[in-house]
């Protein structure tokens, strides 16, 4: 019989992991690789969001800045936001 240890892991109502000490949700400014160029996946998604928002894509964003821009454009377009 297994027992769930609430000190190790818990979830909120939307099912997101709230593991103590978890770094699954971390401020992009704290990423150790945040200063590196954005990834191909980030660039592709930013292109989609930028097109939908009618805004230009900045090709020279860092990983951290791309993540922040994705958040901004998701709020502007409504794409990718939890409902």
Foldseek 3Di string as FASTA:
>chain_A
DDDDDVQQWDADPVGDIPGVVDVPDPQLVPDPQQQAQADPVLQVLQVVLCVQLVHDDDRGHGNNVSVVSSVVSCVSRVPPDDD
